[in-house]
Amino acid sequence: MVTVKFFAQVRELAGVESLQAPLPQPATVDALRNQLMQQSPALNEALQGNVLMAHNQSLCDGNTVIAEQDEVAFFPPVTGG
């Protein structure tokens, strides 16, 4: 299982703060994201478009390989002013 965390607007749209997900095949962040988007309309809406991703608390891209017990987080792009 992989721990998935959602932050800010992504969390609001997903309707959950975190969840446990089975490790997808292939085991990448993009595959996990696609797996989650198929689970519910809320997760689909939360994860579509421009979403930042982190693997074990480090920013990553969708090609990052993940393993059992890892943590993946999704959050909206950060804007400054």
Protein backbone atom coordinates (compact mmCIF):
# COMPACT_ATOMS: atom_id res chain seq x y z
CA MET A 1 0.00 0.00 0.00
CA VAL A 2 0.98 3.61 -0.64
CA THR A 3 -0.05 6.50 1.60
CA VAL A 4 -1.60 9.28 -0.46
CA LYS A 5 -2.01 12.78 0.97
CA PHE A 6 -3.93 15.71 -0.47
CA PHE A 7 -3.35 19.37 0.34
CA ALA A 8 -5.14 22.70 -0.08
CA GLN A 9 -7.65 22.89 -2.95
CA VAL A 10 -6.83 19.33 -4.06
CA ARG A 11 -7.88 18.10 -0.60
CA GLU A 12 -11.09 20.13 -0.74
CA LEU A 13 -12.01 18.68 -4.14
CA ALA A 14 -11.03 15.12 -3.17
CA GLY A 15 -13.05 15.31 0.03
CA VAL A 16 -10.37 13.45 2.01
CA GLU A 17 -7.08 14.38 3.64
CA SER A 18 -5.36 11.06 2.98
CA LEU A 19 -5.97 7.47 1.96
CA GLN A 20 -4.21 4.16 1.42
CA ALA A 21 -3.95 2.92 -2.17
CA PRO A 22 -2.62 -0.31 -3.65
CA LEU A 23 0.68 -0.02 -5.48
CA PRO A 24 -0.12 0.40 -9.18
CA GLN A 25 1.61 -1.36 -12.05
CA PRO A 26 3.74 0.16 -13.39
CA ALA A 27 4.70 1.60 -10.03
CA THR A 28 5.00 5.30 -10.89
CA VAL A 29 3.40 8.45 -9.54
CA ASP A 30 1.50 8.93 -12.84
CA ALA A 31 0.10 5.38 -12.67
CA LEU A 32 -1.02 6.02 -9.08
CA ARG A 33 -2.63 9.29 -10.11
CA ASN A 34 -4.49 7.59 -12.96
CA GLN A 35 -5.60 4.77 -10.66
CA LEU A 36 -6.96 7.28 -8.14
CA MET A 37 -8.74 9.31 -10.84
CA GLN A 38 -10.68 6.19 -11.84
CA GLN A 39 -11.86 5.55 -8.27
CA SER A 40 -14.35 8.40 -7.96
CA PRO A 41 -15.58 11.57 -9.67
CA ALA A 42 -14.25 13.64 -6.74
CA LEU A 43 -10.72 12.24 -7.08
CA ASN A 44 -10.91 12.63 -10.85
CA GLU A 45 -11.76 16.31 -10.48
CA ALA A 46 -9.14 16.87 -7.78
CA LEU A 47 -6.26 15.30 -9.72
CA GLN A 48 -6.88 16.48 -13.26
CA GLY A 49 -4.97 19.39 -14.73
CA ASN A 50 -1.91 21.01 -13.24
CA VAL A 51 -1.20 19.31 -9.92
CA LEU A 52 2.15 19.20 -8.15
CA MET A 53 3.36 15.89 -6.78
CA ALA A 54 5.75 14.83 -4.05
CA HIS A 55 7.28 11.43 -3.32
CA ASN A 56 8.42 10.86 0.26
CA GLN A 57 8.27 14.64 0.87
CA SER A 58 10.36 15.64 -2.18
CA LEU A 59 8.88 17.23 -5.30
CA CYS A 60 8.79 14.78 -8.17
CA ASP A 61 7.38 14.20 -11.63
CA GLY A 62 4.99 11.54 -12.85
CA ASN A 63 7.78 9.19 -13.93
CA THR A 64 9.06 8.79 -10.37
CA VAL A 65 9.09 5.14 -9.30
CA ILE A 66 7.23 4.34 -6.09
CA ALA A 67 7.30 1.33 -3.78
CA GLU A 68 5.23 -0.21 -1.00
CA GLN A 69 5.00 2.00 2.12
CA ASP A 70 5.96 5.17 0.21
CA GLU A 71 4.10 8.45 0.60
CA VAL A 72 2.82 10.40 -2.39
CA ALA A 73 1.26 13.85 -2.02
CA PHE A 74 -0.77 15.93 -4.46
CA PHE A 75 -1.25 19.69 -4.16
CA PRO A 76 -2.04 22.69 -6.33
CA PRO A 77 0.70 24.84 -7.87
CA VAL A 78 2.03 27.44 -5.48
CA THR A 79 1.61 31.04 -6.59
CA GLY A 80 3.19 34.06 -5.05
CA GLY A 81 2.44 37.70 -5.00
